[in-house]
Amino acid sequence: PAPLARGLFCLSRSVGILAHAWEQT
């Protein structure tokens, strides 16, 4: 369903978010 597409994007982008937050730390 369309609303799950945003949730799946959040899951995907969370990996990059974690990597950048860790690198900045």
PDBML (XML) file of the C-alpha atoms, coordinates in Angstrom:
<?xml version="1.0" encoding="UTF-8" ?>
<PDBx:datablock datablockName="MODEL"
   xmlns:PDBx="http://pdbml.pdb.org/schema/pdbx-v50.xsd"
   xmlns:xsi="http://www.w3.org/2001/XMLSchema-instance"
   xsi:schemaLocation="http://pdbml.pdb.org/schema/pdbx-v50.xsd pdbx-v50.xsd">
   <PDBx:atom_siteCategory>
      <PDBx:atom_site id="1">
         <PDBx:B_iso_or_equiv>0.00</PDBx:B_iso_or_equiv>
         <PDBx:Cartn_x>0.000</PDBx:Cartn_x>
         <PDBx:Cartn_y>0.000</PDBx:Cartn_y>
         <PDBx:Cartn_z>0.000</PDBx:Cartn_z>
         <PDBx:auth_asym_id>A</PDBx:auth_asym_id>
         <PDBx:auth_atom_id>CA</PDBx:auth_atom_id>
         <PDBx:auth_comp_id>PRO</PDBx:auth_comp_id>
         <PDBx:auth_seq_id>1</PDBx:auth_seq_id>
         <PDBx:group_PDB>ATOM</PDBx:group_PDB>
         <PDBx:label_alt_id xsi:nil="true" />
         <PDBx:label_asym_id>A</PDBx:label_asym_id>
         <PDBx:label_atom_id>CA</PDBx:label_atom_id>
         <PDBx:label_comp_id>PRO</PDBx:label_comp_id>
         <PDBx:label_entity_id>1</PDBx:label_entity_id>
         <PDBx:label_seq_id>1</PDBx:label_seq_id>
         <PDBx:occupancy>1.00</PDBx:occupancy>
         <PDBx:pdbx_PDB_model_num>1</PDBx:pdbx_PDB_model_num>
         <PDBx:type_symbol>C</PDBx:type_symbol>
      </PDBx:atom_site>
      <PDBx:atom_site id="2">
         <PDBx:B_iso_or_equiv>0.00</PDBx:B_iso_or_equiv>
         <PDBx:Cartn_x>1.153</PDBx:Cartn_x>
         <PDBx:Cartn_y>3.558</PDBx:Cartn_y>
         <PDBx:Cartn_z>-0.709</PDBx:Cartn_z>
         <PDBx:auth_asym_id>A</PDBx:auth_asym_id>
         <PDBx:auth_atom_id>CA</PDBx:auth_atom_id>
         <PDBx:auth_comp_id>ALA</PDBx:auth_comp_id>
         <PDBx:auth_seq_id>2</PDBx:auth_seq_id>
         <PDBx:group_PDB>ATOM</PDBx:group_PDB>
         <PDBx:label_alt_id xsi:nil="true" />
         <PDBx:label_asym_id>A</PDBx:label_asym_id>
         <PDBx:label_atom_id>CA</PDBx:label_atom_id>
         <PDBx:label_comp_id>ALA</PDBx:label_comp_id>
         <PDBx:label_entity_id>1</PDBx:label_entity_id>
         <PDBx:label_seq_id>2</PDBx:label_seq_id>
         <PDBx:occupancy>1.00</PDBx:occupancy>
         <PDBx:pdbx_PDB_model_num>1</PDBx:pdbx_PDB_model_num>
         <PDBx:type_symbol>C</PDBx:type_symbol>
      </PDBx:atom_site>
      <PDBx:atom_site id="3">
         <PDBx:B_iso_or_equiv>0.00</PDBx:B_iso_or_equiv>
         <PDBx:Cartn_x>1.562</PDBx:Cartn_x>
         <PDBx:Cartn_y>4.628</PDBx:Cartn_y>
         <PDBx:Cartn_z>2.965</PDBx:Cartn_z>
         <PDBx:auth_asym_id>A</PDBx:auth_asym_id>
         <PDBx:auth_atom_id>CA</PDBx:auth_atom_id>
         <PDBx:auth_comp_id>PRO</PDBx:auth_comp_id>
         <PDBx:auth_seq_id>3</PDBx:auth_seq_id>
         <PDBx:group_PDB>ATOM</PDBx:group_PDB>
         <PDBx:label_alt_id xsi:nil="true" />
         <PDBx:label_asym_id>A</PDBx:label_asym_id>
         <PDBx:label_atom_id>CA</PDBx:label_atom_id>
         <PDBx:label_comp_id>PRO</PDBx:label_comp_id>
         <PDBx:label_entity_id>1</PDBx:label_entity_id>
         <PDBx:label_seq_id>3</PDBx:label_seq_id>
         <PDBx:occupancy>1.00</PDBx:occupancy>
         <PDBx:pdbx_PDB_model_num>1</PDBx:pdbx_PDB_model_num>
         <PDBx:type_symbol>C</PDBx:type_symbol>
      </PDBx:atom_site>
      <PDBx:atom_site id="4">
         <PDBx:B_iso_or_equiv>0.00</PDBx:B_iso_or_equiv>
         <PDBx:Cartn_x>3.959</PDBx:Cartn_x>
         <PDBx:Cartn_y>1.741</PDBx:Cartn_y>
         <PDBx:Cartn_z>3.572</PDBx:Cartn_z>
         <PDBx:auth_asym_id>A</PDBx:auth_asym_id>
         <PDBx:auth_atom_id>CA</PDBx:auth_atom_id>
         <PDBx:auth_comp_id>LEU</PDBx:auth_comp_id>
         <PDBx:auth_seq_id>4</PDBx:auth_seq_id>
         <PDBx:group_PDB>ATOM</PDBx:group_PDB>
         <PDBx:label_alt_id xsi:nil="true" />
         <PDBx:label_asym_id>A</PDBx:label_asym_id>
         <PDBx:label_atom_id>CA</PDBx:label_atom_id>
         <PDBx:label_comp_id>LEU</PDBx:label_comp_id>
         <PDBx:label_entity_id>1</PDBx:label_entity_id>
         <PDBx:label_seq_id>4</PDBx:label_seq_id>
         <PDBx:occupancy>1.00</PDBx:occupancy>
         <PDBx:pdbx_PDB_model_num>1</PDBx:pdbx_PDB_model_num>
         <PDBx:type_symbol>C</PDBx:type_symbol>
      </PDBx:atom_site>
      <PDBx:atom_site id="5">
         <PDBx:B_iso_or_equiv>0.00</PDBx:B_iso_or_equiv>
         <PDBx:Cartn_x>6.250</PDBx:Cartn_x>
         <PDBx:Cartn_y>3.141</PDBx:Cartn_y>
         <PDBx:Cartn_z>0.867</PDBx:Cartn_z>
         <PDBx:auth_asym_id>A</PDBx:auth_asym_id>
         <PDBx:auth_atom_id>CA</PDBx:auth_atom_id>
         <PDBx:auth_comp_id>ALA</PDBx:auth_comp_id>
         <PDBx:auth_seq_id>5</PDBx:auth_seq_id>
         <PDBx:group_PDB>ATOM</PDBx:group_PDB>
         <PDBx:label_alt_id xsi:nil="true" />
         <PDBx:label_asym_id>A</PDBx:label_asym_id>
         <PDBx:label_atom_id>CA</PDBx:label_atom_id>
         <PDBx:label_comp_id>ALA</PDBx:label_comp_id>
         <PDBx:label_entity_id>1</PDBx:label_entity_id>
         <PDBx:label_seq_id>5</PDBx:label_seq_id>
         <PDBx:occupancy>1.00</PDBx:occupancy>
         <PDBx:pdbx_PDB_model_num>1</PDBx:pdbx_PDB_model_num>
         <PDBx:type_symbol>C</PDBx:type_symbol>
      </PDBx:atom_site>
      <PDBx:atom_site id="6">
         <PDBx:B_iso_or_equiv>0.00</PDBx:B_iso_or_equiv>
         <PDBx:Cartn_x>7.123</PDBx:Cartn_x>
         <PDBx:Cartn_y>6.014</PDBx:Cartn_y>
         <PDBx:Cartn_z>3.191</PDBx:Cartn_z>
         <PDBx:auth_asym_id>A</PDBx:auth_asym_id>
         <PDBx:auth_atom_id>CA</PDBx:auth_atom_id>
         <PDBx:auth_comp_id>ARG</PDBx:auth_comp_id>
         <PDBx:auth_seq_id>6</PDBx:auth_seq_id>
         <PDBx:group_PDB>ATOM</PDBx:group_PDB>
         <PDBx:label_alt_id xsi:nil="true" />
         <PDBx:label_asym_id>A</PDBx:label_asym_id>
         <PDBx:label_atom_id>CA</PDBx:label_atom_id>
         <PDBx:label_comp_id>ARG</PDBx:label_comp_id>
         <PDBx:label_entity_id>1</PDBx:label_entity_id>
         <PDBx:label_seq_id>6</PDBx:label_seq_id>
         <PDBx:occupancy>1.00</PDBx:occupancy>
         <PDBx:pdbx_PDB_model_num>1</PDBx:pdbx_PDB_model_num>
         <PDBx:type_symbol>C</PDBx:type_symbol>
      </PDBx:atom_site>
      <PDBx:atom_site id="7">
         <PDBx:B_iso_or_equiv>0.00</PDBx:B_iso_or_equiv>
         <PDBx:Cartn_x>7.702</PDBx:Cartn_x>
         <PDBx:Cartn_y>3.637</PDBx:Cartn_y>
         <PDBx:Cartn_z>6.091</PDBx:Cartn_z>
         <PDBx:auth_asym_id>A</PDBx:auth_asym_id>
         <PDBx:auth_atom_id>CA</PDBx:auth_atom_id>
         <PDBx:auth_comp_id>GLY</PDBx:auth_comp_id>
         <PDBx:auth_seq_id>7</PDBx:auth_seq_id>
         <PDBx:group_PDB>ATOM</PDBx:group_PDB>
         <PDBx:label_alt_id xsi:nil="true" />
         <PDBx:label_asym_id>A</PDBx:label_asym_id>
         <PDBx:label_atom_id>CA</PDBx:label_atom_id>
         <PDBx:label_comp_id>GLY</PDBx:label_comp_id>
         <PDBx:label_entity_id>1</PDBx:label_entity_id>
         <PDBx:label_seq_id>7</PDBx:label_seq_id>
         <PDBx:occupancy>1.00</PDBx:occupancy>
         <PDBx:pdbx_PDB_model_num>1</PDBx:pdbx_PDB_model_num>
         <PDBx:type_symbol>C</PDBx:type_symbol>
      </PDBx:atom_site>
      <PDBx:atom_site id="8">
         <PDBx:B_iso_or_equiv>0.00</PDBx:B_iso_or_equiv>
         <PDBx:Cartn_x>9.983</PDBx:Cartn_x>
         <PDBx:Cartn_y>1.500</PDBx:Cartn_y>
         <PDBx:Cartn_z>3.944</PDBx:Cartn_z>
         <PDBx:auth_asym_id>A</PDBx:auth_asym_id>
         <PDBx:auth_atom_id>CA</PDBx:auth_atom_id>
         <PDBx:auth_comp_id>LEU</PDBx:auth_comp_id>
         <PDBx:auth_seq_id>8</PDBx:auth_seq_id>
         <PDBx:group_PDB>ATOM</PDBx:group_PDB>
         <PDBx:label_alt_id xsi:nil="true" />
         <PDBx:label_asym_id>A</PDBx:label_asym_id>
         <PDBx:label_atom_id>CA</PDBx:label_atom_id>
         <PDBx:label_comp_id>LEU</PDBx:label_comp_id>
         <PDBx:label_entity_id>1</PDBx:label_entity_id>
         <PDBx:label_seq_id>8</PDBx:label_seq_id>
         <PDBx:occupancy>1.00</PDBx:occupancy>
         <PDBx:pdbx_PDB_model_num>1</PDBx:pdbx_PDB_model_num>
         <PDBx:type_symbol>C</PDBx:type_symbol>
      </PDBx:atom_site>
      <PDBx:atom_site id="9">
         <PDBx:B_iso_or_equiv>0.00</PDBx:B_iso_or_equiv>
         <PDBx:Cartn_x>11.919</PDBx:Cartn_x>
         <PDBx:Cartn_y>4.600</PDBx:Cartn_y>
         <PDBx:Cartn_z>2.891</PDBx:Cartn_z>
         <PDBx:auth_asym_id>A</PDBx:auth_asym_id>
         <PDBx:auth_atom_id>CA</PDBx:auth_atom_id>
         <PDBx:auth_comp_id>PHE</PDBx:auth_comp_id>
         <PDBx:auth_seq_id>9</PDBx:auth_seq_id>
         <PDBx:group_PDB>ATOM</PDBx:group_PDB>
         <PDBx:label_alt_id xsi:nil="true" />
         <PDBx:label_asym_id>A</PDBx:label_asym_id>
         <PDBx:label_atom_id>CA</PDBx:label_atom_id>
         <PDBx:label_comp_id>PHE</PDBx:label_comp_id>
         <PDBx:label_entity_id>1</PDBx:label_entity_id>
         <PDBx:label_seq_id>9</PDBx:label_seq_id>
         <PDBx:occupancy>1.00</PDBx:occupancy>
         <PDBx:pdbx_PDB_model_num>1</PDBx:pdbx_PDB_model_num>
         <PDBx:type_symbol>C</PDBx:type_symbol>
      </PDBx:atom_site>
      <PDBx:atom_site id="10">
         <PDBx:B_iso_or_equiv>0.00</PDBx:B_iso_or_equiv>
         <PDBx:Cartn_x>12.324</PDBx:Cartn_x>
         <PDBx:Cartn_y>5.524</PDBx:Cartn_y>
         <PDBx:Cartn_z>6.562</PDBx:Cartn_z>
         <PDBx:auth_asym_id>A</PDBx:auth_asym_id>
         <PDBx:auth_atom_id>CA</PDBx:auth_atom_id>
         <PDBx:auth_comp_id>CYS</PDBx:auth_comp_id>
         <PDBx:auth_seq_id>10</PDBx:auth_seq_id>
         <PDBx:group_PDB>ATOM</PDBx:group_PDB>
         <PDBx:label_alt_id xsi:nil="true" />
         <PDBx:label_asym_id>A</PDBx:label_asym_id>
         <PDBx:label_atom_id>CA</PDBx:label_atom_id>
         <PDBx:label_comp_id>CYS</PDBx:label_comp_id>
         <PDBx:label_entity_id>1</PDBx:label_entity_id>
         <PDBx:label_seq_id>10</PDBx:label_seq_id>
         <PDBx:occupancy>1.00</PDBx:occupancy>
         <PDBx:pdbx_PDB_model_num>1</PDBx:pdbx_PDB_model_num>
         <PDBx:type_symbol>C</PDBx:type_symbol>
      </PDBx:atom_site>
      <PDBx:atom_site id="11">
         <PDBx:B_iso_or_equiv>0.00</PDBx:B_iso_or_equiv>
         <PDBx:Cartn_x>13.766</PDBx:Cartn_x>
         <PDBx:Cartn_y>2.063</PDBx:Cartn_y>
         <PDBx:Cartn_z>7.228</PDBx:Cartn_z>
         <PDBx:auth_asym_id>A</PDBx:auth_asym_id>
         <PDBx:auth_atom_id>CA</PDBx:auth_atom_id>
         <PDBx:auth_comp_id>LEU</PDBx:auth_comp_id>
         <PDBx:auth_seq_id>11</PDBx:auth_seq_id>
         <PDBx:group_PDB>ATOM</PDBx:group_PDB>
         <PDBx:label_alt_id xsi:nil="true" />
         <PDBx:label_asym_id>A</PDBx:label_asym_id>
         <PDBx:label_atom_id>CA</PDBx:label_atom_id>
         <PDBx:label_comp_id>LEU</PDBx:label_comp_id>
         <PDBx:label_entity_id>1</PDBx:label_entity_id>
         <PDBx:label_seq_id>11</PDBx:label_seq_id>
         <PDBx:occupancy>1.00</PDBx:occupancy>
         <PDBx:pdbx_PDB_model_num>1</PDBx:pdbx_PDB_model_num>
         <PDBx:type_symbol>C</PDBx:type_symbol>
      </PDBx:atom_site>
      <PDBx:atom_site id="12">
         <PDBx:B_iso_or_equiv>0.00</PDBx:B_iso_or_equiv>
         <PDBx:Cartn_x>16.155</PDBx:Cartn_x>
         <PDBx:Cartn_y>2.387</PDBx:Cartn_y>
         <PDBx:Cartn_z>4.304</PDBx:Cartn_z>
         <PDBx:auth_asym_id>A</PDBx:auth_asym_id>
         <PDBx:auth_atom_id>CA</PDBx:auth_atom_id>
         <PDBx:auth_comp_id>SER</PDBx:auth_comp_id>
         <PDBx:auth_seq_id>12</PDBx:auth_seq_id>
         <PDBx:group_PDB>ATOM</PDBx:group_PDB>
         <PDBx:label_alt_id xsi:nil="true" />
         <PDBx:label_asym_id>A</PDBx:label_asym_id>
         <PDBx:label_atom_id>CA</PDBx:label_atom_id>
         <PDBx:label_comp_id>SER</PDBx:label_comp_id>
         <PDBx:label_entity_id>1</PDBx:label_entity_id>
         <PDBx:label_seq_id>12</PDBx:label_seq_id>
         <PDBx:occupancy>1.00</PDBx:occupancy>
         <PDBx:pdbx_PDB_model_num>1</PDBx:pdbx_PDB_model_num>
         <PDBx:type_symbol>C</PDBx:type_symbol>
      </PDBx:atom_site>
      <PDBx:atom_site id="13">
         <PDBx:B_iso_or_equiv>0.00</PDBx:B_iso_or_equiv>
         <PDBx:Cartn_x>17.323</PDBx:Cartn_x>
         <PDBx:Cartn_y>5.929</PDBx:Cartn_y>
         <PDBx:Cartn_z>5.024</PDBx:Cartn_z>
         <PDBx:auth_asym_id>A</PDBx:auth_asym_id>
         <PDBx:auth_atom_id>CA</PDBx:auth_atom_id>
         <PDBx:auth_comp_id>ARG</PDBx:auth_comp_id>
         <PDBx:auth_seq_id>13</PDBx:auth_seq_id>
         <PDBx:group_PDB>ATOM</PDBx:group_PDB>
         <PDBx:label_alt_id xsi:nil="true" />
         <PDBx:label_asym_id>A</PDBx:label_asym_id>
         <PDBx:label_atom_id>CA</PDBx:label_atom_id>
         <PDBx:label_comp_id>ARG</PDBx:label_comp_id>
         <PDBx:label_entity_id>1</PDBx:label_entity_id>
         <PDBx:label_seq_id>13</PDBx:label_seq_id>
         <PDBx:occupancy>1.00</PDBx:occupancy>
         <PDBx:pdbx_PDB_model_num>1</PDBx:pdbx_PDB_model_num>
         <PDBx:type_symbol>C</PDBx:type_symbol>
      </PDBx:atom_site>
      <PDBx:atom_site id="14">
         <PDBx:B_iso_or_equiv>0.00</PDBx:B_iso_or_equiv>
         <PDBx:Cartn_x>17.791</PDBx:Cartn_x>
         <PDBx:Cartn_y>5.086</PDBx:Cartn_y>
         <PDBx:Cartn_z>8.722</PDBx:Cartn_z>
         <PDBx:auth_asym_id>A</PDBx:auth_asym_id>
         <PDBx:auth_atom_id>CA</PDBx:auth_atom_id>
         <PDBx:auth_comp_id>SER</PDBx:auth_comp_id>
         <PDBx:auth_seq_id>14</PDBx:auth_seq_id>
         <PDBx:group_PDB>ATOM</PDBx:group_PDB>
         <PDBx:label_alt_id xsi:nil="true" />
         <PDBx:label_asym_id>A</PDBx:label_asym_id>
         <PDBx:label_atom_id>CA</PDBx:label_atom_id>
         <PDBx:label_comp_id>SER</PDBx:label_comp_id>
         <PDBx:label_entity_id>1</PDBx:label_entity_id>
         <PDBx:label_seq_id>14</PDBx:label_seq_id>
         <PDBx:occupancy>1.00</PDBx:occupancy>
         <PDBx:pdbx_PDB_model_num>1</PDBx:pdbx_PDB_model_num>
         <PDBx:type_symbol>C</PDBx:type_symbol>
      </PDBx:atom_site>
      <PDBx:atom_site id="15">
         <PDBx:B_iso_or_equiv>0.00</PDBx:B_iso_or_equiv>
         <PDBx:Cartn_x>20.875</PDBx:Cartn_x>
         <PDBx:Cartn_y>3.107</PDBx:Cartn_y>
         <PDBx:Cartn_z>7.731</PDBx:Cartn_z>
         <PDBx:auth_asym_id>A</PDBx:auth_asym_id>
         <PDBx:auth_atom_id>CA</PDBx:auth_atom_id>
         <PDBx:auth_comp_id>VAL</PDBx:auth_comp_id>
         <PDBx:auth_seq_id>15</PDBx:auth_seq_id>
         <PDBx:group_PDB>ATOM</PDBx:group_PDB>
         <PDBx:label_alt_id xsi:nil="true" />
         <PDBx:label_asym_id>A</PDBx:label_asym_id>
         <PDBx:label_atom_id>CA</PDBx:label_atom_id>
         <PDBx:label_comp_id>VAL</PDBx:label_comp_id>
         <PDBx:label_entity_id>1</PDBx:label_entity_id>
         <PDBx:label_seq_id>15</PDBx:label_seq_id>
         <PDBx:occupancy>1.00</PDBx:occupancy>
         <PDBx:pdbx_PDB_model_num>1</PDBx:pdbx_PDB_model_num>
         <PDBx:type_symbol>C</PDBx:type_symbol>
      </PDBx:atom_site>
      <PDBx:atom_site id="16">
         <PDBx:B_iso_or_equiv>0.00</PDBx:B_iso_or_equiv>
         <PDBx:Cartn_x>22.496</PDBx:Cartn_x>
         <PDBx:Cartn_y>6.181</PDBx:Cartn_y>
         <PDBx:Cartn_z>6.173</PDBx:Cartn_z>
         <PDBx:auth_asym_id>A</PDBx:auth_asym_id>
         <PDBx:auth_atom_id>CA</PDBx:auth_atom_id>
         <PDBx:auth_comp_id>GLY</PDBx:auth_comp_id>
         <PDBx:auth_seq_id>16</PDBx:auth_seq_id>
         <PDBx:group_PDB>ATOM</PDBx:group_PDB>
         <PDBx:label_alt_id xsi:nil="true" />
         <PDBx:label_asym_id>A</PDBx:label_asym_id>
         <PDBx:label_atom_id>CA</PDBx:label_atom_id>
         <PDBx:label_comp_id>GLY</PDBx:label_comp_id>
         <PDBx:label_entity_id>1</PDBx:label_entity_id>
         <PDBx:label_seq_id>16</PDBx:label_seq_id>
         <PDBx:occupancy>1.00</PDBx:occupancy>
         <PDBx:pdbx_PDB_model_num>1</PDBx:pdbx_PDB_model_num>
         <PDBx:type_symbol>C</PDBx:type_symbol>
      </PDBx:atom_site>
      <PDBx:atom_site id="17">
         <PDBx:B_iso_or_equiv>0.00</PDBx:B_iso_or_equiv>
         <PDBx:Cartn_x>21.318</PDBx:Cartn_x>
         <PDBx:Cartn_y>8.313</PDBx:Cartn_y>
         <PDBx:Cartn_z>9.074</PDBx:Cartn_z>
         <PDBx:auth_asym_id>A</PDBx:auth_asym_id>
         <PDBx:auth_atom_id>CA</PDBx:auth_atom_id>
         <PDBx:auth_comp_id>ILE</PDBx:auth_comp_id>
         <PDBx:auth_seq_id>17</PDBx:auth_seq_id>
         <PDBx:group_PDB>ATOM</PDBx:group_PDB>
         <PDBx:label_alt_id xsi:nil="true" />
         <PDBx:label_asym_id>A</PDBx:label_asym_id>
         <PDBx:label_atom_id>CA</PDBx:label_atom_id>
         <PDBx:label_comp_id>ILE</PDBx:label_comp_id>
         <PDBx:label_entity_id>1</PDBx:label_entity_id>
         <PDBx:label_seq_id>17</PDBx:label_seq_id>
         <PDBx:occupancy>1.00</PDBx:occupancy>
         <PDBx:pdbx_PDB_model_num>1</PDBx:pdbx_PDB_model_num>
         <PDBx:type_symbol>C</PDBx:type_symbol>
      </PDBx:atom_site>
      <PDBx:atom_site id="18">
         <PDBx:B_iso_or_equiv>0.00</PDBx:B_iso_or_equiv>
         <PDBx:Cartn_x>22.991</PDBx:Cartn_x>
         <PDBx:Cartn_y>5.949</PDBx:Cartn_y>
         <PDBx:Cartn_z>11.547</PDBx:Cartn_z>
         <PDBx:auth_asym_id>A</PDBx:auth_asym_id>
         <PDBx:auth_atom_id>CA</PDBx:auth_atom_id>
         <PDBx:auth_comp_id>LEU</PDBx:auth_comp_id>
         <PDBx:auth_seq_id>18</PDBx:auth_seq_id>
         <PDBx:group_PDB>ATOM</PDBx:group_PDB>
         <PDBx:label_alt_id xsi:nil="true" />
         <PDBx:label_asym_id>A</PDBx:label_asym_id>
         <PDBx:label_atom_id>CA</PDBx:label_atom_id>
         <PDBx:label_comp_id>LEU</PDBx:label_comp_id>
         <PDBx:label_entity_id>1</PDBx:label_entity_id>
         <PDBx:label_seq_id>18</PDBx:label_seq_id>
         <PDBx:occupancy>1.00</PDBx:occupancy>
         <PDBx:pdbx_PDB_model_num>1</PDBx:pdbx_PDB_model_num>
         <PDBx:type_symbol>C</PDBx:type_symbol>
      </PDBx:atom_site>
      <PDBx:atom_site id="19">
         <PDBx:B_iso_or_equiv>0.00</PDBx:B_iso_or_equiv>
         <PDBx:Cartn_x>26.223</PDBx:Cartn_x>
         <PDBx:Cartn_y>5.878</PDBx:Cartn_y>
         <PDBx:Cartn_z>9.535</PDBx:Cartn_z>
         <PDBx:auth_asym_id>A</PDBx:auth_asym_id>
         <PDBx:auth_atom_id>CA</PDBx:auth_atom_id>
         <PDBx:auth_comp_id>ALA</PDBx:auth_comp_id>
         <PDBx:auth_seq_id>19</PDBx:auth_seq_id>
         <PDBx:group_PDB>ATOM</PDBx:group_PDB>
         <PDBx:label_alt_id xsi:nil="true" />
         <PDBx:label_asym_id>A</PDBx:label_asym_id>
         <PDBx:label_atom_id>CA</PDBx:label_atom_id>
         <PDBx:label_comp_id>ALA</PDBx:label_comp_id>
         <PDBx:label_entity_id>1</PDBx:label_entity_id>
         <PDBx:label_seq_id>19</PDBx:label_seq_id>
         <PDBx:occupancy>1.00</PDBx:occupancy>
         <PDBx:pdbx_PDB_model_num>1</PDBx:pdbx_PDB_model_num>
         <PDBx:type_symbol>C</PDBx:type_symbol>
      </PDBx:atom_site>
      <PDBx:atom_site id="20">
         <PDBx:B_iso_or_equiv>0.00</PDBx:B_iso_or_equiv>
         <PDBx:Cartn_x>26.465</PDBx:Cartn_x>
         <PDBx:Cartn_y>9.677</PDBx:Cartn_y>
         <PDBx:Cartn_z>9.318</PDBx:Cartn_z>
         <PDBx:auth_asym_id>A</PDBx:auth_asym_id>
         <PDBx:auth_atom_id>CA</PDBx:auth_atom_id>
         <PDBx:auth_comp_id>HIS</PDBx:auth_comp_id>
         <PDBx:auth_seq_id>20</PDBx:auth_seq_id>
         <PDBx:group_PDB>ATOM</PDBx:group_PDB>
         <PDBx:label_alt_id xsi:nil="true" />
         <PDBx:label_asym_id>A</PDBx:label_asym_id>
         <PDBx:label_atom_id>CA</PDBx:label_atom_id>
         <PDBx:label_comp_id>HIS</PDBx:label_comp_id>
         <PDBx:label_entity_id>1</PDBx:label_entity_id>
         <PDBx:label_seq_id>20</PDBx:label_seq_id>
         <PDBx:occupancy>1.00</PDBx:occupancy>
         <PDBx:pdbx_PDB_model_num>1</PDBx:pdbx_PDB_model_num>
         <PDBx:type_symbol>C</PDBx:type_symbol>
      </PDBx:atom_site>
      <PDBx:atom_site id="21">
         <PDBx:B_iso_or_equiv>0.00</PDBx:B_iso_or_equiv>
         <PDBx:Cartn_x>25.524</PDBx:Cartn_x>
         <PDBx:Cartn_y>10.225</PDBx:Cartn_y>
         <PDBx:Cartn_z>12.955</PDBx:Cartn_z>
         <PDBx:auth_asym_id>A</PDBx:auth_asym_id>
         <PDBx:auth_atom_id>CA</PDBx:auth_atom_id>
         <PDBx:auth_comp_id>ALA</PDBx:auth_comp_id>
         <PDBx:auth_seq_id>21</PDBx:auth_seq_id>
         <PDBx:group_PDB>ATOM</PDBx:group_PDB>
         <PDBx:label_alt_id xsi:nil="true" />
         <PDBx:label_asym_id>A</PDBx:label_asym_id>
         <PDBx:label_atom_id>CA</PDBx:label_atom_id>
         <PDBx:label_comp_id>ALA</PDBx:label_comp_id>
         <PDBx:label_entity_id>1</PDBx:label_entity_id>
         <PDBx:label_seq_id>21</PDBx:label_seq_id>
         <PDBx:occupancy>1.00</PDBx:occupancy>
         <PDBx:pdbx_PDB_model_num>1</PDBx:pdbx_PDB_model_num>
         <PDBx:type_symbol>C</PDBx:type_symbol>
      </PDBx:atom_site>
      <PDBx:atom_site id="22">
         <PDBx:B_iso_or_equiv>0.00</PDBx:B_iso_or_equiv>
         <PDBx:Cartn_x>28.200</PDBx:Cartn_x>
         <PDBx:Cartn_y>7.746</PDBx:Cartn_y>
         <PDBx:Cartn_z>13.999</PDBx:Cartn_z>
         <PDBx:auth_asym_id>A</PDBx:auth_asym_id>
         <PDBx:auth_atom_id>CA</PDBx:auth_atom_id>
         <PDBx:auth_comp_id>TRP</PDBx:auth_comp_id>
         <PDBx:auth_seq_id>22</PDBx:auth_seq_id>
         <PDBx:group_PDB>ATOM</PDBx:group_PDB>
         <PDBx:label_alt_id xsi:nil="true" />
         <PDBx:label_asym_id>A</PDBx:label_asym_id>
         <PDBx:label_atom_id>CA</PDBx:label_atom_id>
         <PDBx:label_comp_id>TRP</PDBx:label_comp_id>
         <PDBx:label_entity_id>1</PDBx:label_entity_id>
         <PDBx:label_seq_id>22</PDBx:label_seq_id>
         <PDBx:occupancy>1.00</PDBx:occupancy>
         <PDBx:pdbx_PDB_model_num>1</PDBx:pdbx_PDB_model_num>
         <PDBx:type_symbol>C</PDBx:type_symbol>
      </PDBx:atom_site>
      <PDBx:atom_site id="23">
         <PDBx:B_iso_or_equiv>0.00</PDBx:B_iso_or_equiv>
         <PDBx:Cartn_x>30.824</PDBx:Cartn_x>
         <PDBx:Cartn_y>9.264</PDBx:Cartn_y>
         <PDBx:Cartn_z>11.691</PDBx:Cartn_z>
         <PDBx:auth_asym_id>A</PDBx:auth_asym_id>
         <PDBx:auth_atom_id>CA</PDBx:auth_atom_id>
         <PDBx:auth_comp_id>GLU</PDBx:auth_comp_id>
         <PDBx:auth_seq_id>23</PDBx:auth_seq_id>
         <PDBx:group_PDB>ATOM</PDBx:group_PDB>
         <PDBx:label_alt_id xsi:nil="true" />
         <PDBx:label_asym_id>A</PDBx:label_asym_id>
         <PDBx:label_atom_id>CA</PDBx:label_atom_id>
         <PDBx:label_comp_id>GLU</PDBx:label_comp_id>
         <PDBx:label_entity_id>1</PDBx:label_entity_id>
         <PDBx:label_seq_id>23</PDBx:label_seq_id>
         <PDBx:occupancy>1.00</PDBx:occupancy>
         <PDBx:pdbx_PDB_model_num>1</PDBx:pdbx_PDB_model_num>
         <PDBx:type_symbol>C</PDBx:type_symbol>
      </PDBx:atom_site>
      <PDBx:atom_site id="24">
         <PDBx:B_iso_or_equiv>0.00</PDBx:B_iso_or_equiv>
         <PDBx:Cartn_x>30.081</PDBx:Cartn_x>
         <PDBx:Cartn_y>12.747</PDBx:Cartn_y>
         <PDBx:Cartn_z>13.016</PDBx:Cartn_z>
         <PDBx:auth_asym_id>A</PDBx:auth_asym_id>
         <PDBx:auth_atom_id>CA</PDBx:auth_atom_id>
         <PDBx:auth_comp_id>GLN</PDBx:auth_comp_id>
         <PDBx:auth_seq_id>24</PDBx:auth_seq_id>
         <PDBx:group_PDB>ATOM</PDBx:group_PDB>
         <PDBx:label_alt_id xsi:nil="true" />
         <PDBx:label_asym_id>A</PDBx:label_asym_id>
         <PDBx:label_atom_id>CA</PDBx:label_atom_id>
         <PDBx:label_comp_id>GLN</PDBx:label_comp_id>
         <PDBx:label_entity_id>1</PDBx:label_entity_id>
         <PDBx:label_seq_id>24</PDBx:label_seq_id>
         <PDBx:occupancy>1.00</PDBx:occupancy>
         <PDBx:pdbx_PDB_model_num>1</PDBx:pdbx_PDB_model_num>
         <PDBx:type_symbol>C</PDBx:type_symbol>
      </PDBx:atom_site>
      <PDBx:atom_site id="25">
         <PDBx:B_iso_or_equiv>0.00</PDBx:B_iso_or_equiv>
         <PDBx:Cartn_x>30.331</PDBx:Cartn_x>
         <PDBx:Cartn_y>11.460</PDBx:Cartn_y>
         <PDBx:Cartn_z>16.579</PDBx:Cartn_z>
         <PDBx:auth_asym_id>A</PDBx:auth_asym_id>
         <PDBx:auth_atom_id>CA</PDBx:auth_atom_id>
         <PDBx:auth_comp_id>THR</PDBx:auth_comp_id>
         <PDBx:auth_seq_id>25</PDBx:auth_seq_id>
         <PDBx:group_PDB>ATOM</PDBx:group_PDB>
         <PDBx:label_alt_id xsi:nil="true" />
         <PDBx:label_asym_id>A</PDBx:label_asym_id>
         <PDBx:label_atom_id>CA</PDBx:label_atom_id>
         <PDBx:label_comp_id>THR</PDBx:label_comp_id>
         <PDBx:label_entity_id>1</PDBx:label_entity_id>
         <PDBx:label_seq_id>25</PDBx:label_seq_id>
         <PDBx:occupancy>1.00</PDBx:occupancy>
         <PDBx:pdbx_PDB_model_num>1</PDBx:pdbx_PDB_model_num>
         <PDBx:type_symbol>C</PDBx:type_symbol>
      </PDBx:atom_site>
   </PDBx:atom_siteCategory>
</PDBx:datablock>
